[in-house]
Amino acid sequence: MAKRQNILPFAPLGKLIQDASGKRVSKDAKETSARILEELTAKIIHKANLLAENAGRKTIKDKDIYLAYQQLKGDLWWNQ
């Protein structure tokens, strides 16, 4: 089986986690963070694309991404 290629680089994610937590970050934590962030980003982009299409546009705008993020954030909040 081929090794998974991450889009997001691990080093900046590790730095982000370390800055937020004050703790060291394992390689597995960086990989998991990258996988989760890529999945969330794909969901946001999918929703943003639907919003742009619904508005009759072929271009995704920042407002589409922001609204999609707000919708997803609401979904995550209520599903806890």
C-alpha atoms as a PDB file:
ATOM      1  CA  MET A   1       0.000   0.000   0.000  1.00  0.00           C
ATOM      2  CA  ALA A   2       1.335   3.441  -0.906  1.00  0.00           C
ATOM      3  CA  LYS A   3       2.211   5.834   1.868  1.00  0.00           C
ATOM      4  CA  ARG A   4      -0.283   8.672   2.285  1.00  0.00           C
ATOM      5  CA  GLN A   5       0.907  12.037   0.983  1.00  0.00           C
ATOM      6  CA  ASN A   6      -0.078  14.907   3.246  1.00  0.00           C
ATOM      7  CA  ILE A   7      -0.795  18.290   1.766  1.00  0.00           C
ATOM      8  CA  LEU A   8      -0.157  20.210   4.978  1.00  0.00           C
ATOM      9  CA  PRO A   9       3.439  20.206   6.209  1.00  0.00           C
ATOM     10  CA  PHE A  10       3.992  18.761   9.677  1.00  0.00           C
ATOM     11  CA  ALA A  11       6.506  21.315  10.998  1.00  0.00           C
ATOM     12  CA  PRO A  12       4.143  24.337  10.993  1.00  0.00           C
ATOM     13  CA  LEU A  13       1.376  22.211  12.495  1.00  0.00           C
ATOM     14  CA  GLY A  14       3.725  21.078  15.253  1.00  0.00           C
ATOM     15  CA  LYS A  15       4.667  24.695  15.916  1.00  0.00           C
ATOM     16  CA  LEU A  16       1.014  25.717  16.026  1.00  0.00           C
ATOM     17  CA  ILE A  17       0.150  22.948  18.491  1.00  0.00           C
ATOM     18  CA  GLN A  18       3.233  23.668  20.573  1.00  0.00           C
ATOM     19  CA  ASP A  19       2.450  27.400  20.716  1.00  0.00           C
ATOM     20  CA  ALA A  20      -1.142  26.704  21.747  1.00  0.00           C
ATOM     21  CA  SER A  21      -0.350  24.044  24.334  1.00  0.00           C
ATOM     22  CA  GLY A  22       3.180  24.765  25.535  1.00  0.00           C
ATOM     23  CA  LYS A  23       3.984  21.089  25.126  1.00  0.00           C
ATOM     24  CA  ARG A  24       6.135  19.059  22.789  1.00  0.00           C
ATOM     25  CA  VAL A  25       4.310  17.406  19.917  1.00  0.00           C
ATOM     26  CA  SER A  26       4.804  13.837  18.703  1.00  0.00           C
ATOM     27  CA  LYS A  27       5.080  12.911  15.036  1.00  0.00           C
ATOM     28  CA  ASP A  28       1.813  10.968  15.332  1.00  0.00           C
ATOM     29  CA  ALA A  29       0.044  14.058  16.724  1.00  0.00           C
ATOM     30  CA  LYS A  30       1.299  16.136  13.809  1.00  0.00           C
ATOM     31  CA  GLU A  31       0.170  13.514  11.293  1.00  0.00           C
ATOM     32  CA  THR A  32      -3.252  13.200  12.913  1.00  0.00           C
ATOM     33  CA  SER A  33      -3.651  16.986  13.001  1.00  0.00           C
ATOM     34  CA  ALA A  34      -2.771  17.202   9.307  1.00  0.00           C
ATOM     35  CA  ARG A  35      -5.260  14.474   8.402  1.00  0.00           C
ATOM     36  CA  ILE A  36      -8.066  16.102  10.421  1.00  0.00           C
ATOM     37  CA  LEU A  37      -7.376  19.614   9.113  1.00  0.00           C
ATOM     38  CA  GLU A  38      -7.297  18.345   5.521  1.00  0.00           C
ATOM     39  CA  GLU A  39     -10.632  16.585   6.060  1.00  0.00           C
ATOM     40  CA  LEU A  40     -12.215  19.682   7.634  1.00  0.00           C
ATOM     41  CA  THR A  41     -10.845  21.877   4.844  1.00  0.00           C
ATOM     42  CA  ALA A  42     -12.329  19.548   2.217  1.00  0.00           C
ATOM     43  CA  LYS A  43     -15.726  19.757   3.949  1.00  0.00           C
ATOM     44  CA  ILE A  44     -15.555  23.554   4.116  1.00  0.00           C
ATOM     45  CA  ILE A  45     -14.611  23.792   0.436  1.00  0.00           C
ATOM     46  CA  HIS A  46     -17.405  21.433  -0.552  1.00  0.00           C
ATOM     47  CA  LYS A  47     -19.969  23.558   1.334  1.00  0.00           C
ATOM     48  CA  ALA A  48     -18.450  26.769  -0.061  1.00  0.00           C
ATOM     49  CA  ASN A  49     -18.723  25.377  -3.586  1.00  0.00           C
ATOM     50  CA  LEU A  50     -22.411  24.635  -3.037  1.00  0.00           C
ATOM     51  CA  LEU A  51     -22.948  28.168  -1.737  1.00  0.00           C
ATOM     52  CA  ALA A  52     -21.215  29.670  -4.786  1.00  0.00           C
ATOM     53  CA  GLU A  53     -23.248  27.488  -7.151  1.00  0.00           C
ATOM     54  CA  ASN A  54     -26.446  28.439  -5.348  1.00  0.00           C
ATOM     55  CA  ALA A  55     -25.537  32.102  -5.844  1.00  0.00           C
ATOM     56  CA  GLY A  56     -25.041  31.438  -9.570  1.00  0.00           C
ATOM     57  CA  ARG A  57     -21.265  31.892  -9.451  1.00  0.00           C
ATOM     58  CA  LYS A  58     -18.420  29.725 -10.736  1.00  0.00           C
ATOM     59  CA  THR A  59     -16.001  31.391  -8.330  1.00  0.00           C
ATOM     60  CA  ILE A  60     -15.768  30.554  -4.634  1.00  0.00           C
ATOM     61  CA  LYS A  61     -15.417  33.780  -2.666  1.00  0.00           C
ATOM     62  CA  ASP A  62     -14.147  34.426   0.834  1.00  0.00           C
ATOM     63  CA  LYS A  63     -17.711  34.918   2.064  1.00  0.00           C
ATOM     64  CA  ASP A  64     -18.597  31.409   0.828  1.00  0.00           C
ATOM     65  CA  ILE A  65     -15.713  29.893   2.750  1.00  0.00           C
ATOM     66  CA  TYR A  66     -16.532  31.902   5.869  1.00  0.00           C
ATOM     67  CA  LEU A  67     -20.227  30.941   5.766  1.00  0.00           C
ATOM     68  CA  ALA A  68     -19.357  27.305   5.110  1.00  0.00           C
ATOM     69  CA  TYR A  69     -16.970  27.393   8.085  1.00  0.00           C
ATOM     70  CA  GLN A  70     -19.676  28.921  10.291  1.00  0.00           C
ATOM     71  CA  GLN A  71     -22.141  26.224   9.198  1.00  0.00           C
ATOM     72  CA  LEU A  72     -19.617  23.457   9.819  1.00  0.00           C
ATOM     73  CA  LYS A  73     -18.639  24.943  13.171  1.00  0.00           C
ATOM     74  CA  GLY A  74     -22.324  24.957  14.129  1.00  0.00           C
ATOM     75  CA  ASP A  75     -22.652  21.329  13.036  1.00  0.00           C
ATOM     76  CA  LEU A  76     -19.627  20.365  15.114  1.00  0.00           C
ATOM     77  CA  TRP A  77     -20.868  22.311  18.135  1.00  0.00           C
ATOM     78  CA  TRP A  78     -24.308  20.673  18.166  1.00  0.00           C
ATOM     79  CA  ASN A  79     -22.953  17.175  17.525  1.00  0.00           C
ATOM     80  CA  GLN A  80     -20.868  17.135  20.692  1.00  0.00           C
END
